[in-house]
Structures are given as C-alpha cells and as structure tokens.
Amino acid sequence: MEDDGIGRRRAMELKSRSATVHKSHGMEVTAERLEVINQLYGTNAEVRTADFVDGNGEAMGTKVTIRF
C-alpha cells in the first residue's frame, strides 16, 4: 500500500506539537500478529515501511509492504 501524504516523520512532528492523548497502536498490533503467525506456522512474515522523499528531502508519502 502506498500513500502520497506528508510522511511519517512530518506526521510525528505535528503530533508532538498537539495536545492529543490518542496513540495509534496499528503497527504494534500488526507486528505482534505477524510474530504469532510466524511462531505458529514457522514462517517469516514481516512488515516493511519506506518513506518517499523528493530531491529536497521533503516527504512525498509512505509505502507499507506486508510480506507473507
């Protein structure tokens, strides 16, 4: 999956400035589920993330790959 958003680094910067108490656990939960799958089935499933930047180092989005 790919998106063309502001990127993870910029999103974290904006979140640190806000007064929100919500914390997303999506990546953590996904990693835990893949760990269980790997243990149960002897597989090597994994999640990879890649941040896209332009020639000036500005964020252009993120790609998340789940490999089974």
N, C-alpha and C. Protein backbone atom coordinates (compact mmCIF):
# COMPACT_ATOMS: atom_id res chain seq x y z
N MET A 1 0.84 -1.16 0.00
CA MET A 1 0.00 0.00 0.00
C MET A 1 0.89 1.23 0.00
N GLU A 2 0.52 2.23 -0.76
CA GLU A 2 1.26 3.48 -0.81
C GLU A 2 0.31 4.64 -0.59
N ASP A 3 0.83 5.70 0.00
CA ASP A 3 0.05 6.94 0.09
C ASP A 3 0.96 8.10 -0.30
N ASP A 4 0.35 9.22 -0.62
CA ASP A 4 1.13 10.38 -1.02
C ASP A 4 0.97 11.52 -0.01
N GLY A 5 0.92 11.12 1.26
CA GLY A 5 0.72 12.08 2.34
C GLY A 5 1.98 12.82 2.73
N ILE A 6 1.98 13.34 3.93
CA ILE A 6 3.08 14.19 4.41
C ILE A 6 4.26 13.38 4.94
N GLY A 7 4.11 12.08 5.05
CA GLY A 7 5.20 11.23 5.54
C GLY A 7 5.14 11.03 7.04
N ARG A 8 5.76 9.95 7.49
CA ARG A 8 5.70 9.60 8.91
C ARG A 8 6.45 10.58 9.79
N ARG A 9 7.60 11.06 9.34
CA ARG A 9 8.39 11.99 10.15
C ARG A 9 7.62 13.28 10.41
N ARG A 10 7.04 13.85 9.34
CA ARG A 10 6.29 15.11 9.49
C ARG A 10 5.04 14.89 10.34
N ALA A 11 4.39 13.75 10.16
CA ALA A 11 3.21 13.44 10.97
C ALA A 11 3.57 13.37 12.45
N MET A 12 4.71 12.76 12.77
CA MET A 12 5.15 12.69 14.17
C MET A 12 5.45 14.07 14.72
N GLU A 13 6.05 14.94 13.89
CA GLU A 13 6.34 16.30 14.34
C GLU A 13 5.05 17.03 14.67
N LEU A 14 4.06 16.89 13.82
CA LEU A 14 2.78 17.56 14.06
C LEU A 14 2.08 17.00 15.29
N LYS A 15 2.15 15.69 15.48
CA LYS A 15 1.52 15.08 16.64
C LYS A 15 2.17 15.53 17.93
N SER A 16 3.50 15.68 17.92
CA SER A 16 4.20 16.08 19.15
C SER A 16 3.83 17.50 19.57
N ARG A 17 3.39 18.30 18.63
CA ARG A 17 3.00 19.68 18.94
C ARG A 17 1.57 19.78 19.42
N SER A 18 0.78 18.76 19.14
CA SER A 18 -0.64 18.82 19.51
C SER A 18 -0.82 18.33 20.94
N ALA A 19 -1.99 18.61 21.49
CA ALA A 19 -2.28 18.22 22.87
C ALA A 19 -3.06 16.92 22.92
N THR A 20 -3.00 16.13 21.87
CA THR A 20 -3.78 14.89 21.81
C THR A 20 -3.17 13.82 22.72
N VAL A 21 -4.04 12.98 23.26
CA VAL A 21 -3.58 11.88 24.09
C VAL A 21 -3.78 10.55 23.38
N HIS A 22 -4.35 10.57 22.18
CA HIS A 22 -4.57 9.35 21.41
C HIS A 22 -3.25 8.83 20.87
N LYS A 23 -3.02 7.52 21.01
CA LYS A 23 -1.83 6.91 20.46
C LYS A 23 -2.25 5.74 19.60
N SER A 24 -1.85 5.75 18.35
CA SER A 24 -2.19 4.68 17.43
C SER A 24 -1.32 3.46 17.73
N HIS A 25 -1.94 2.31 17.74
CA HIS A 25 -1.23 1.06 18.02
C HIS A 25 -1.24 0.12 16.82
N GLY A 26 -1.63 0.63 15.65
CA GLY A 26 -1.79 -0.21 14.47
C GLY A 26 -0.55 -0.98 14.08
N MET A 27 0.59 -0.32 13.98
CA MET A 27 1.82 -1.00 13.58
C MET A 27 2.26 -1.99 14.66
N GLU A 28 2.10 -1.62 15.91
CA GLU A 28 2.48 -2.51 17.02
C GLU A 28 1.63 -3.78 17.00
N VAL A 29 0.32 -3.63 16.83
CA VAL A 29 -0.59 -4.77 16.80
C VAL A 29 -0.29 -5.67 15.60
N THR A 30 -0.02 -5.05 14.46
CA THR A 30 0.31 -5.82 13.26
C THR A 30 1.58 -6.63 13.47
N ALA A 31 2.60 -6.03 14.05
CA ALA A 31 3.86 -6.74 14.32
C ALA A 31 3.63 -7.91 15.27
N GLU A 32 2.81 -7.70 16.30
CA GLU A 32 2.52 -8.78 17.24
C GLU A 32 1.79 -9.93 16.56
N ARG A 33 0.83 -9.61 15.70
CA ARG A 33 0.09 -10.65 14.98
C ARG A 33 1.00 -11.44 14.05
N LEU A 34 1.88 -10.74 13.35
CA LEU A 34 2.81 -11.43 12.46
C LEU A 34 3.77 -12.32 13.25
N GLU A 35 4.15 -11.89 14.43
CA GLU A 35 5.03 -12.71 15.27
C GLU A 35 4.33 -14.02 15.65
N VAL A 36 3.05 -13.92 16.00
CA VAL A 36 2.28 -15.13 16.34
C VAL A 36 2.16 -16.04 15.12
N ILE A 37 1.85 -15.46 13.97
CA ILE A 37 1.75 -16.25 12.73
C ILE A 37 3.07 -16.95 12.44
N ASN A 38 4.17 -16.23 12.59
CA ASN A 38 5.49 -16.82 12.35
C ASN A 38 5.78 -17.98 13.30
N GLN A 39 5.41 -17.82 14.55
CA GLN A 39 5.64 -18.89 15.53
C GLN A 39 4.76 -20.10 15.26
N LEU A 40 3.50 -19.86 14.93
CA LEU A 40 2.57 -20.96 14.70
C LEU A 40 2.89 -21.75 13.44
N TYR A 41 3.26 -21.06 12.38
CA TYR A 41 3.42 -21.70 11.07
C TYR A 41 4.86 -21.79 10.59
N GLY A 42 5.80 -21.34 11.41
CA GLY A 42 7.21 -21.41 11.02
C GLY A 42 7.51 -20.57 9.79
N THR A 43 6.82 -19.46 9.66
CA THR A 43 7.02 -18.58 8.51
C THR A 43 7.92 -17.41 8.88
N ASN A 44 8.13 -16.55 7.93
CA ASN A 44 8.97 -15.37 8.15
C ASN A 44 8.26 -14.12 7.61
N ALA A 45 6.99 -13.95 7.97
CA ALA A 45 6.21 -12.79 7.53
C ALA A 45 6.76 -11.53 8.20
N GLU A 46 6.68 -10.42 7.48
CA GLU A 46 7.21 -9.18 8.02
C GLU A 46 6.51 -7.97 7.43
N VAL A 47 6.65 -6.84 8.13
CA VAL A 47 6.14 -5.55 7.65
C VAL A 47 7.34 -4.66 7.38
N ARG A 48 7.33 -4.02 6.22
CA ARG A 48 8.38 -3.06 5.88
C ARG A 48 7.73 -1.73 5.55
N THR A 49 8.36 -0.66 6.00
CA THR A 49 7.88 0.68 5.67
C THR A 49 8.99 1.44 4.97
N ALA A 50 8.61 2.24 4.00
CA ALA A 50 9.57 3.07 3.28
C ALA A 50 8.97 4.46 3.11
N ASP A 51 9.71 5.47 3.49
CA ASP A 51 9.27 6.84 3.32
C ASP A 51 9.84 7.38 2.02
N PHE A 52 8.98 8.02 1.22
CA PHE A 52 9.40 8.62 -0.03
C PHE A 52 9.72 10.10 0.20
N VAL A 53 10.82 10.56 -0.37
CA VAL A 53 11.18 11.97 -0.29
C VAL A 53 11.57 12.46 -1.68
N ASP A 54 11.41 13.75 -1.90
CA ASP A 54 11.81 14.33 -3.18
C ASP A 54 13.29 14.72 -3.12
N GLY A 55 13.77 15.36 -4.16
CA GLY A 55 15.17 15.75 -4.24
C GLY A 55 15.62 16.72 -3.16
N ASN A 56 14.66 17.40 -2.55
CA ASN A 56 14.96 18.35 -1.48
C ASN A 56 14.80 17.74 -0.09
N GLY A 57 14.50 16.46 -0.04
CA GLY A 57 14.32 15.80 1.25
C GLY A 57 12.94 15.99 1.84
N GLU A 58 12.00 16.55 1.06
CA GLU A 58 10.64 16.76 1.55
C GLU A 58 9.83 15.48 1.38
N ALA A 59 9.01 15.17 2.37
CA ALA A 59 8.21 13.95 2.36
C ALA A 59 7.23 13.93 1.21
N MET A 60 7.10 12.76 0.60
CA MET A 60 6.15 12.58 -0.50
C MET A 60 5.19 11.43 -0.23
N GLY A 61 5.31 10.77 0.90
CA GLY A 61 4.41 9.67 1.23
C GLY A 61 5.15 8.49 1.83
N THR A 62 4.40 7.41 2.00
CA THR A 62 4.92 6.21 2.66
C THR A 62 4.42 4.98 1.95
N LYS A 63 5.24 3.95 1.90
CA LYS A 63 4.85 2.65 1.35
C LYS A 63 4.97 1.63 2.47
N VAL A 64 3.92 0.85 2.66
CA VAL A 64 3.91 -0.23 3.65
C VAL A 64 3.75 -1.54 2.90
N THR A 65 4.66 -2.47 3.13
CA THR A 65 4.63 -3.77 2.48
C THR A 65 4.53 -4.84 3.56
N ILE A 66 3.54 -5.72 3.43
CA ILE A 66 3.42 -6.87 4.32
C ILE A 66 3.75 -8.10 3.49
N ARG A 67 4.80 -8.80 3.88
CA ARG A 67 5.26 -9.97 3.13
C ARG A 67 4.96 -11.23 3.94
N PHE A 68 4.27 -12.15 3.29
CA PHE A 68 3.96 -13.45 3.92
C PHE A 68 4.80 -14.53 3.32
